[in-house]
Amino acid sequence: MIYANIDAQGREALQNAMKAAANTKWFLRLKLIDLSGQVYSVPELAQMFDLCAATIRRYIHGFNEAGIAGLRPAPASKKQMRDEQLSTKKRIIS
């Protein structure tokens, strides 16, 4: 099984980040890691958060490798941003 590796300093940082979270999705991602550190299994977390097990594992691996910073979503690619801008322009024009 894979679990989030959280030491005392990491737990405090995680708790502070959850208190400061302004975005619900971000808070839930942090809470998922908190619960994983309390030895909840990937299948239990997947059911609780209605996410696939692969997503849960990706979050845990990201946290274990880089801490809270490893949970942040990757920036969108230039192509993806351009496609989103074109989509927005099309909606405005329509």
PDB file of N, CA and C in Angstrom:
ATOM      1  N   MET A   1       0.846  -1.189   0.000  1.00  0.00           N
ATOM      2  CA  MET A   1       0.000   0.000   0.000  1.00  0.00           C
ATOM      3  C   MET A   1       0.882   1.240   0.000  1.00  0.00           C
ATOM      4  N   ILE A   2       0.337   2.299  -0.528  1.00  0.00           N
ATOM      5  CA  ILE A   2       1.041   3.581  -0.546  1.00  0.00           C
ATOM      6  C   ILE A   2       0.302   4.541   0.382  1.00  0.00           C
ATOM      7  N   TYR A   3       1.060   5.262   1.168  1.00  0.00           N
ATOM      8  CA  TYR A   3       0.505   6.269   2.081  1.00  0.00           C
ATOM      9  C   TYR A   3       1.366   7.521   1.995  1.00  0.00           C
ATOM     10  N   ALA A   4       0.766   8.653   2.348  1.00  0.00           N
ATOM     11  CA  ALA A   4       1.527   9.893   2.405  1.00  0.00           C
ATOM     12  C   ALA A   4       2.481   9.828   3.591  1.00  0.00           C
ATOM     13  N   ASN A   5       3.733  10.163   3.350  1.00  0.00           N
ATOM     14  CA  ASN A   5       4.740  10.196   4.409  1.00  0.00           C
ATOM     15  C   ASN A   5       4.755  11.599   5.007  1.00  0.00           C
ATOM     16  N   ILE A   6       4.159  11.749   6.196  1.00  0.00           N
ATOM     17  CA  ILE A   6       4.037  13.059   6.816  1.00  0.00           C
ATOM     18  C   ILE A   6       4.729  13.046   8.167  1.00  0.00           C
ATOM     19  N   ASP A   7       5.777  13.881   8.293  1.00  0.00           N
ATOM     20  CA  ASP A   7       6.425  14.022   9.596  1.00  0.00           C
ATOM     21  C   ASP A   7       5.721  15.152  10.365  1.00  0.00           C
ATOM     22  N   ALA A   8       6.182  15.437  11.574  1.00  0.00           N
ATOM     23  CA  ALA A   8       5.523  16.448  12.419  1.00  0.00           C
ATOM     24  C   ALA A   8       5.516  17.819  11.753  1.00  0.00           C
ATOM     25  N   GLN A   9       6.632  18.193  11.142  1.00  0.00           N
ATOM     26  CA  GLN A   9       6.716  19.487  10.466  1.00  0.00           C
ATOM     27  C   GLN A   9       5.782  19.516   9.250  1.00  0.00           C
ATOM     28  N   GLY A  10       5.749  18.425   8.503  1.00  0.00           N
ATOM     29  CA  GLY A  10       4.865  18.330   7.348  1.00  0.00           C
ATOM     30  C   GLY A  10       3.400  18.365   7.735  1.00  0.00           C
ATOM     31  N   ARG A  11       3.060  17.732   8.870  1.00  0.00           N
ATOM     32  CA  ARG A  11       1.678  17.734   9.339  1.00  0.00           C
ATOM     33  C   ARG A  11       1.246  19.158   9.691  1.00  0.00           C
ATOM     34  N   GLU A  12       2.145  19.890  10.343  1.00  0.00           N
ATOM     35  CA  GLU A  12       1.824  21.280  10.703  1.00  0.00           C
ATOM     36  C   GLU A  12       1.631  22.129   9.449  1.00  0.00           C
ATOM     37  N   ALA A  13       2.503  21.960   8.464  1.00  0.00           N
ATOM     38  CA  ALA A  13       2.377  22.699   7.206  1.00  0.00           C
ATOM     39  C   ALA A  13       1.083  22.329   6.496  1.00  0.00           C
ATOM     40  N   LEU A  14       0.733  21.059   6.531  1.00  0.00           N
ATOM     41  CA  LEU A  14      -0.499  20.586   5.898  1.00  0.00           C
ATOM     42  C   LEU A  14      -1.722  21.192   6.591  1.00  0.00           C
ATOM     43  N   GLN A  15      -1.721  21.200   7.921  1.00  0.00           N
ATOM     44  CA  GLN A  15      -2.834  21.779   8.679  1.00  0.00           C
ATOM     45  C   GLN A  15      -2.972  23.272   8.373  1.00  0.00           C
ATOM     46  N   ASN A  16      -1.847  23.996   8.328  1.00  0.00           N
ATOM     47  CA  ASN A  16      -1.880  25.426   8.016  1.00  0.00           C
ATOM     48  C   ASN A  16      -2.396  25.673   6.605  1.00  0.00           C
ATOM     49  N   ALA A  17      -1.971  24.834   5.674  1.00  0.00           N
ATOM     50  CA  ALA A  17      -2.432  24.988   4.290  1.00  0.00           C
ATOM     51  C   ALA A  17      -3.936  24.718   4.185  1.00  0.00           C
ATOM     52  N   MET A  18      -4.446  23.740   4.950  1.00  0.00           N
ATOM     53  CA  MET A  18      -5.884  23.459   4.920  1.00  0.00           C
ATOM     54  C   MET A  18      -6.669  24.631   5.505  1.00  0.00           C
ATOM     55  N   LYS A  19      -6.155  25.242   6.566  1.00  0.00           N
ATOM     56  CA  LYS A  19      -6.833  26.399   7.166  1.00  0.00           C
ATOM     57  C   LYS A  19      -6.858  27.581   6.208  1.00  0.00           C
ATOM     58  N   ALA A  20      -5.791  27.742   5.436  1.00  0.00           N
ATOM     59  CA  ALA A  20      -5.674  28.876   4.519  1.00  0.00           C
ATOM     60  C   ALA A  20      -6.310  28.630   3.160  1.00  0.00           C
ATOM     61  N   ALA A  21      -6.708  27.402   2.878  1.00  0.00           N
ATOM     62  CA  ALA A  21      -7.233  27.062   1.545  1.00  0.00           C
ATOM     63  C   ALA A  21      -8.503  27.850   1.238  1.00  0.00           C
ATOM     64  N   ALA A  22      -8.467  28.588   0.147  1.00  0.00           N
ATOM     65  CA  ALA A  22      -9.629  29.361  -0.286  1.00  0.00           C
ATOM     66  C   ALA A  22     -10.444  28.607  -1.334  1.00  0.00           C
ATOM     67  N   ASN A  23      -9.851  27.607  -1.930  1.00  0.00           N
ATOM     68  CA  ASN A  23     -10.477  26.846  -2.996  1.00  0.00           C
ATOM     69  C   ASN A  23     -10.871  25.470  -2.465  1.00  0.00           C
ATOM     70  N   THR A  24     -12.108  25.064  -2.687  1.00  0.00           N
ATOM     71  CA  THR A  24     -12.599  23.782  -2.182  1.00  0.00           C
ATOM     72  C   THR A  24     -11.809  22.605  -2.735  1.00  0.00           C
ATOM     73  N   LYS A  25     -11.508  22.626  -4.019  1.00  0.00           N
ATOM     74  CA  LYS A  25     -10.753  21.517  -4.616  1.00  0.00           C
ATOM     75  C   LYS A  25      -9.375  21.395  -3.982  1.00  0.00           C
ATOM     76  N   TRP A  26      -8.734  22.527  -3.730  1.00  0.00           N
ATOM     77  CA  TRP A  26      -7.422  22.516  -3.107  1.00  0.00           C
ATOM     78  C   TRP A  26      -7.514  21.961  -1.685  1.00  0.00           C
ATOM     79  N   PHE A  27      -8.524  22.392  -0.926  1.00  0.00           N
ATOM     80  CA  PHE A  27      -8.714  21.892   0.433  1.00  0.00           C
ATOM     81  C   PHE A  27      -8.909  20.372   0.419  1.00  0.00           C
ATOM     82  N   LEU A  28      -9.731  19.874  -0.482  1.00  0.00           N
ATOM     83  CA  LEU A  28      -9.990  18.437  -0.543  1.00  0.00           C
ATOM     84  C   LEU A  28      -8.733  17.654  -0.904  1.00  0.00           C
ATOM     85  N   ARG A  29      -7.903  18.206  -1.767  1.00  0.00           N
ATOM     86  CA  ARG A  29      -6.657  17.544  -2.122  1.00  0.00           C
ATOM     87  C   ARG A  29      -5.744  17.461  -0.892  1.00  0.00           C
ATOM     88  N   LEU A  30      -5.685  18.544  -0.122  1.00  0.00           N
ATOM     89  CA  LEU A  30      -4.886  18.553   1.106  1.00  0.00           C
ATOM     90  C   LEU A  30      -5.457  17.573   2.133  1.00  0.00           C
ATOM     91  N   LYS A  31      -6.779  17.557   2.264  1.00  0.00           N
ATOM     92  CA  LYS A  31      -7.421  16.660   3.228  1.00  0.00           C
ATOM     93  C   LYS A  31      -7.173  15.202   2.855  1.00  0.00           C
ATOM     94  N   LEU A  32      -7.198  14.911   1.582  1.00  0.00           N
ATOM     95  CA  LEU A  32      -6.924  13.559   1.101  1.00  0.00           C
ATOM     96  C   LEU A  32      -5.532  13.110   1.567  1.00  0.00           C
ATOM     97  N   ILE A  33      -4.552  13.992   1.448  1.00  0.00           N
ATOM     98  CA  ILE A  33      -3.193  13.672   1.895  1.00  0.00           C
ATOM     99  C   ILE A  33      -3.162  13.505   3.405  1.00  0.00           C
ATOM    100  N   ASP A  34      -3.872  14.354   4.123  1.00  0.00           N
ATOM    101  CA  ASP A  34      -3.956  14.250   5.579  1.00  0.00           C
ATOM    102  C   ASP A  34      -4.494  12.875   5.982  1.00  0.00           C
ATOM    103  N   LEU A  35      -5.549  12.439   5.349  1.00  0.00           N
ATOM    104  CA  LEU A  35      -6.138  11.144   5.669  1.00  0.00           C
ATOM    105  C   LEU A  35      -5.232   9.991   5.248  1.00  0.00           C
ATOM    106  N   SER A  36      -4.542  10.149   4.134  1.00  0.00           N
ATOM    107  CA  SER A  36      -3.600   9.112   3.713  1.00  0.00           C
ATOM    108  C   SER A  36      -2.498   8.951   4.760  1.00  0.00           C
ATOM    109  N   GLY A  37      -2.048  10.063   5.325  1.00  0.00           N
ATOM    110  CA  GLY A  37      -1.041  10.017   6.370  1.00  0.00           C
ATOM    111  C   GLY A  37      -1.543   9.341   7.638  1.00  0.00           C
ATOM    112  N   GLN A  38      -2.869   9.269   7.770  1.00  0.00           N
ATOM    113  CA  GLN A  38      -3.484   8.576   8.911  1.00  0.00           C
ATOM    114  C   GLN A  38      -3.785   7.119   8.547  1.00  0.00           C
ATOM    115  N   VAL A  39      -3.196   6.635   7.483  1.00  0.00           N
ATOM    116  CA  VAL A  39      -3.240   5.250   7.019  1.00  0.00           C
ATOM    117  C   VAL A  39      -4.596   4.835   6.442  1.00  0.00           C
ATOM    118  N   TYR A  40      -5.293   5.770   5.807  1.00  0.00           N
ATOM    119  CA  TYR A  40      -6.451   5.384   5.002  1.00  0.00           C
ATOM    120  C   TYR A  40      -5.899   4.850   3.689  1.00  0.00           C
ATOM    121  N   SER A  41      -6.464   3.788   3.196  1.00  0.00           N
ATOM    122  CA  SER A  41      -5.959   3.158   1.970  1.00  0.00           C
ATOM    123  C   SER A  41      -6.425   3.915   0.728  1.00  0.00           C
ATOM    124  N   VAL A  42      -5.753   3.653  -0.378  1.00  0.00           N
ATOM    125  CA  VAL A  42      -6.125   4.269  -1.654  1.00  0.00           C
ATOM    126  C   VAL A  42      -7.575   3.942  -2.018  1.00  0.00           C
ATOM    127  N   PRO A  43      -8.030   2.674  -1.926  1.00  0.00           N
ATOM    128  CA  PRO A  43      -9.431   2.397  -2.252  1.00  0.00           C
ATOM    129  C   PRO A  43     -10.421   3.134  -1.335  1.00  0.00           C
ATOM    130  N   GLU A  44     -10.089   3.256  -0.053  1.00  0.00           N
ATOM    131  CA  GLU A  44     -10.969   3.994   0.868  1.00  0.00           C
ATOM    132  C   GLU A  44     -11.045   5.465   0.471  1.00  0.00           C
ATOM    133  N   LEU A  45      -9.903   6.055   0.169  1.00  0.00           N
ATOM    134  CA  LEU A  45      -9.870   7.465  -0.226  1.00  0.00           C
ATOM    135  C   LEU A  45     -10.580   7.683  -1.558  1.00  0.00           C
ATOM    136  N   ALA A  46     -10.390   6.760  -2.490  1.00  0.00           N
ATOM    137  CA  ALA A  46     -11.056   6.877  -3.788  1.00  0.00           C
ATOM    138  C   ALA A  46     -12.569   6.889  -3.619  1.00  0.00           C
ATOM    139  N   GLN A  47     -13.065   6.060  -2.735  1.00  0.00           N
ATOM    140  CA  GLN A  47     -14.506   6.020  -2.482  1.00  0.00           C
ATOM    141  C   GLN A  47     -14.969   7.290  -1.759  1.00  0.00           C
ATOM    142  N   MET A  48     -14.218   7.721  -0.754  1.00  0.00           N
ATOM    143  CA  MET A  48     -14.589   8.926   0.015  1.00  0.00           C
ATOM    144  C   MET A  48     -14.651  10.172  -0.855  1.00  0.00           C
ATOM    145  N   PHE A  49     -13.658  10.311  -1.727  1.00  0.00           N
ATOM    146  CA  PHE A  49     -13.531  11.539  -2.515  1.00  0.00           C
ATOM    147  C   PHE A  49     -14.083  11.404  -3.931  1.00  0.00           C
ATOM    148  N   ASP A  50     -14.619  10.243  -4.248  1.00  0.00           N
ATOM    149  CA  ASP A  50     -15.187   9.975  -5.569  1.00  0.00           C
ATOM    150  C   ASP A  50     -14.170  10.273  -6.680  1.00  0.00           C
ATOM    151  N   LEU A  51     -12.963   9.741  -6.487  1.00  0.00           N
ATOM    152  CA  LEU A  51     -11.890   9.869  -7.465  1.00  0.00           C
ATOM    153  C   LEU A  51     -11.371   8.483  -7.809  1.00  0.00           C
ATOM    154  N   CYS A  52     -10.743   8.355  -8.953  1.00  0.00           N
ATOM    155  CA  CYS A  52     -10.167   7.052  -9.303  1.00  0.00           C
ATOM    156  C   CYS A  52      -8.894   6.830  -8.492  1.00  0.00           C
ATOM    157  N   ALA A  53      -8.556   5.577  -8.294  1.00  0.00           N
ATOM    158  CA  ALA A  53      -7.387   5.214  -7.496  1.00  0.00           C
ATOM    159  C   ALA A  53      -6.103   5.788  -8.091  1.00  0.00           C
ATOM    160  N   ALA A  54      -6.017   5.872  -9.405  1.00  0.00           N
ATOM    161  CA  ALA A  54      -4.814   6.410 -10.053  1.00  0.00           C
ATOM    162  C   ALA A  54      -4.600   7.878  -9.676  1.00  0.00           C
ATOM    163  N   THR A  55      -5.670   8.632  -9.580  1.00  0.00           N
ATOM    164  CA  THR A  55      -5.569  10.040  -9.181  1.00  0.00           C
ATOM    165  C   THR A  55      -5.085  10.144  -7.740  1.00  0.00           C
ATOM    166  N   ILE A  56      -5.643   9.318  -6.863  1.00  0.00           N
ATOM    167  CA  ILE A  56      -5.224   9.308  -5.457  1.00  0.00           C
ATOM    168  C   ILE A  56      -3.728   9.000  -5.383  1.00  0.00           C
ATOM    169  N   ARG A  57      -3.296   7.989  -6.103  1.00  0.00           N
ATOM    170  CA  ARG A  57      -1.877   7.611  -6.087  1.00  0.00           C
ATOM    171  C   ARG A  57      -0.996   8.737  -6.622  1.00  0.00           C
ATOM    172  N   ARG A  58      -1.456   9.400  -7.678  1.00  0.00           N
ATOM    173  CA  ARG A  58      -0.691  10.515  -8.249  1.00  0.00           C
ATOM    174  C   ARG A  58      -0.515  11.630  -7.221  1.00  0.00           C
ATOM    175  N   TYR A  59      -1.569  11.951  -6.469  1.00  0.00           N
ATOM    176  CA  TYR A  59      -1.483  12.976  -5.427  1.00  0.00           C
ATOM    177  C   TYR A  59      -0.508  12.548  -4.334  1.00  0.00           C
ATOM    178  N   ILE A  60      -0.603  11.298  -3.898  1.00  0.00           N
ATOM    179  CA  ILE A  60       0.268  10.814  -2.821  1.00  0.00           C
ATOM    180  C   ILE A  60       1.731  10.826  -3.279  1.00  0.00           C
ATOM    181  N   HIS A  61       1.989  10.326  -4.485  1.00  0.00           N
ATOM    182  CA  HIS A  61       3.358  10.342  -5.005  1.00  0.00           C
ATOM    183  C   HIS A  61       3.876  11.780  -5.097  1.00  0.00           C
ATOM    184  N   GLY A  62       3.045  12.680  -5.603  1.00  0.00           N
ATOM    185  CA  GLY A  62       3.446  14.089  -5.708  1.00  0.00           C
ATOM    186  C   GLY A  62       3.799  14.678  -4.357  1.00  0.00           C
ATOM    187  N   PHE A  63       2.982  14.382  -3.350  1.00  0.00           N
ATOM    188  CA  PHE A  63       3.247  14.887  -2.009  1.00  0.00           C
ATOM    189  C   PHE A  63       4.517  14.266  -1.441  1.00  0.00           C
ATOM    190  N   ASN A  64       4.669  12.965  -1.591  1.00  0.00           N
ATOM    191  CA  ASN A  64       5.849  12.293  -1.050  1.00  0.00           C
ATOM    192  C   ASN A  64       7.145  12.775  -1.704  1.00  0.00           C
ATOM    193  N   GLU A  65       7.071  13.184  -2.958  1.00  0.00           N
ATOM    194  CA  GLU A  65       8.268  13.641  -3.665  1.00  0.00           C
ATOM    195  C   GLU A  65       8.591  15.107  -3.404  1.00  0.00           C
ATOM    196  N   ALA A  66       7.556  15.960  -3.256  1.00  0.00           N
ATOM    197  CA  ALA A  66       7.810  17.406  -3.191  1.00  0.00           C
ATOM    198  C   ALA A  66       7.004  18.133  -2.123  1.00  0.00           C
ATOM    199  N   GLY A  67       6.374  17.414  -1.230  1.00  0.00           N
ATOM    200  CA  GLY A  67       5.575  18.077  -0.197  1.00  0.00           C
ATOM    201  C   GLY A  67       4.335  18.722  -0.788  1.00  0.00           C
ATOM    202  N   ILE A  68       3.857  19.766  -0.135  1.00  0.00           N
ATOM    203  CA  ILE A  68       2.629  20.435  -0.587  1.00  0.00           C
ATOM    204  C   ILE A  68       2.778  20.959  -2.013  1.00  0.00           C
ATOM    205  N   ALA A  69       3.966  21.427  -2.361  1.00  0.00           N
ATOM    206  CA  ALA A  69       4.199  21.929  -3.723  1.00  0.00           C
ATOM    207  C   ALA A  69       3.935  20.845  -4.767  1.00  0.00           C
ATOM    208  N   GLY A  70       4.139  19.587  -4.412  1.00  0.00           N
ATOM    209  CA  GLY A  70       3.901  18.481  -5.337  1.00  0.00           C
ATOM    210  C   GLY A  70       2.438  18.205  -5.589  1.00  0.00           C
ATOM    211  N   LEU A  71       1.563  18.864  -4.834  1.00  0.00           N
ATOM    212  CA  LEU A  71       0.117  18.686  -5.033  1.00  0.00           C
ATOM    213  C   LEU A  71      -0.470  19.710  -5.987  1.00  0.00           C
ATOM    214  N   ARG A  72       0.266  20.769  -6.235  1.00  0.00           N
ATOM    215  CA  ARG A  72      -0.261  21.835  -7.098  1.00  0.00           C
ATOM    216  C   ARG A  72      -0.404  21.327  -8.526  1.00  0.00           C
ATOM    217  N   PRO A  73      -1.477  21.731  -9.194  1.00  0.00           N
ATOM    218  CA  PRO A  73      -1.662  21.301 -10.585  1.00  0.00           C
ATOM    219  C   PRO A  73      -0.549  21.867 -11.472  1.00  0.00           C
ATOM    220  N   ALA A  74      -0.169  21.103 -12.468  1.00  0.00           N
ATOM    221  CA  ALA A  74       0.847  21.560 -13.416  1.00  0.00           C
ATOM    222  C   ALA A  74       0.273  22.703 -14.244  1.00  0.00           C
ATOM    223  N   PRO A  75       1.102  23.675 -14.594  1.00  0.00           N
ATOM    224  CA  PRO A  75       0.601  24.778 -15.419  1.00  0.00           C
ATOM    225  C   PRO A  75       0.133  24.261 -16.777  1.00  0.00           C
ATOM    226  N   ALA A  76      -0.870  24.902 -17.299  1.00  0.00           N
ATOM    227  CA  ALA A  76      -1.411  24.508 -18.607  1.00  0.00           C
ATOM    228  C   ALA A  76      -0.375  24.785 -19.694  1.00  0.00           C
ATOM    229  N   SER A  77      -0.366  23.945 -20.697  1.00  0.00           N
ATOM    230  CA  SER A  77       0.555  24.156 -21.817  1.00  0.00           C
ATOM    231  C   SER A  77       0.093  25.356 -22.632  1.00  0.00           C
ATOM    232  N   LYS A  78       0.998  25.910 -23.418  1.00  0.00           N
ATOM    233  CA  LYS A  78       0.656  27.059 -24.258  1.00  0.00           C
ATOM    234  C   LYS A  78      -0.456  26.689 -25.234  1.00  0.00           C
ATOM    235  N   LYS A  79      -0.394  25.474 -25.795  1.00  0.00           N
ATOM    236  CA  LYS A  79      -1.429  25.040 -26.734  1.00  0.00           C
ATOM    237  C   LYS A  79      -2.779  24.958 -26.035  1.00  0.00           C
ATOM    238  N   GLN A  80      -2.799  24.407 -24.839  1.00  0.00           N
ATOM    239  CA  GLN A  80      -4.057  24.293 -24.104  1.00  0.00           C
ATOM    240  C   GLN A  80      -4.615  25.681 -23.783  1.00  0.00           C
ATOM    241  N   MET A  81      -3.745  26.608 -23.376  1.00  0.00           N
ATOM    242  CA  MET A  81      -4.205  27.965 -23.069  1.00  0.00           C
ATOM    243  C   MET A  81      -4.741  28.635 -24.329  1.00  0.00           C
ATOM    244  N   ARG A  82      -4.054  28.458 -25.459  1.00  0.00           N
ATOM    245  CA  ARG A  82      -4.494  29.049 -26.722  1.00  0.00           C
ATOM    246  C   ARG A  82      -5.857  28.477 -27.129  1.00  0.00           C
ATOM    247  N   ASP A  83      -6.033  27.161 -26.988  1.00  0.00           N
ATOM    248  CA  ASP A  83      -7.303  26.528 -27.329  1.00  0.00           C
ATOM    249  C   ASP A  83      -8.429  27.069 -26.443  1.00  0.00           C
ATOM    250  N   GLU A  84      -8.153  27.275 -25.160  1.00  0.00           N
ATOM    251  CA  GLU A  84      -9.165  27.807 -24.246  1.00  0.00           C
ATOM    252  C   GLU A  84      -9.515  29.242 -24.615  1.00  0.00           C
ATOM    253  N   GLN A  85      -8.510  30.037 -25.018  1.00  0.00           N
ATOM    254  CA  GLN A  85      -8.768  31.413 -25.427  1.00  0.00           C
ATOM    255  C   GLN A  85      -9.620  31.451 -26.689  1.00  0.00           C
ATOM    256  N   LEU A  86      -9.320  30.585 -27.663  1.00  0.00           N
ATOM    257  CA  LEU A  86     -10.118  30.527 -28.885  1.00  0.00           C
ATOM    258  C   LEU A  86     -11.552  30.108 -28.577  1.00  0.00           C
ATOM    259  N   SER A  87     -11.710  29.162 -27.688  1.00  0.00           N
ATOM    260  CA  SER A  87     -13.033  28.699 -27.301  1.00  0.00           C
ATOM    261  C   SER A  87     -13.829  29.844 -26.656  1.00  0.00           C
ATOM    262  N   THR A  88     -13.170  30.613 -25.813  1.00  0.00           N
ATOM    263  CA  THR A  88     -13.829  31.753 -25.166  1.00  0.00           C
ATOM    264  C   THR A  88     -14.229  32.800 -26.190  1.00  0.00           C
ATOM    265  N   LYS A  89     -13.321  33.093 -27.152  1.00  0.00           N
ATOM    266  CA  LYS A  89     -13.640  34.078 -28.200  1.00  0.00           C
ATOM    267  C   LYS A  89     -14.831  33.633 -29.035  1.00  0.00           C
ATOM    268  N   LYS A  90     -14.895  32.331 -29.351  1.00  0.00           N
ATOM    269  CA  LYS A  90     -16.009  31.803 -30.147  1.00  0.00           C
ATOM    270  C   LYS A  90     -17.329  31.980 -29.394  1.00  0.00           C
ATOM    271  N   ARG A  91     -17.307  31.755 -28.085  1.00  0.00           N
ATOM    272  CA  ARG A  91     -18.534  31.923 -27.294  1.00  0.00           C
ATOM    273  C   ARG A  91     -18.963  33.370 -27.255  1.00  0.00           C
ATOM    274  N   ILE A  92     -17.998  34.288 -27.153  1.00  0.00           N
ATOM    275  CA  ILE A  92     -18.319  35.709 -27.103  1.00  0.00           C
ATOM    276  C   ILE A  92     -18.906  36.166 -28.427  1.00  0.00           C
ATOM    277  N   ILE A  93     -18.336  35.688 -29.514  1.00  0.00           N
ATOM    278  CA  ILE A  93     -18.785  36.095 -30.860  1.00  0.00           C
ATOM    279  C   ILE A  93     -20.169  35.530 -31.157  1.00  0.00           C
ATOM    280  N   SER A  94     -20.443  34.334 -30.677  1.00  0.00           N
ATOM    281  CA  SER A  94     -21.728  33.675 -30.978  1.00  0.00           C
ATOM    282  C   SER A  94     -22.894  34.379 -30.383  1.00  0.00           C
TER     283      SER A  94
END
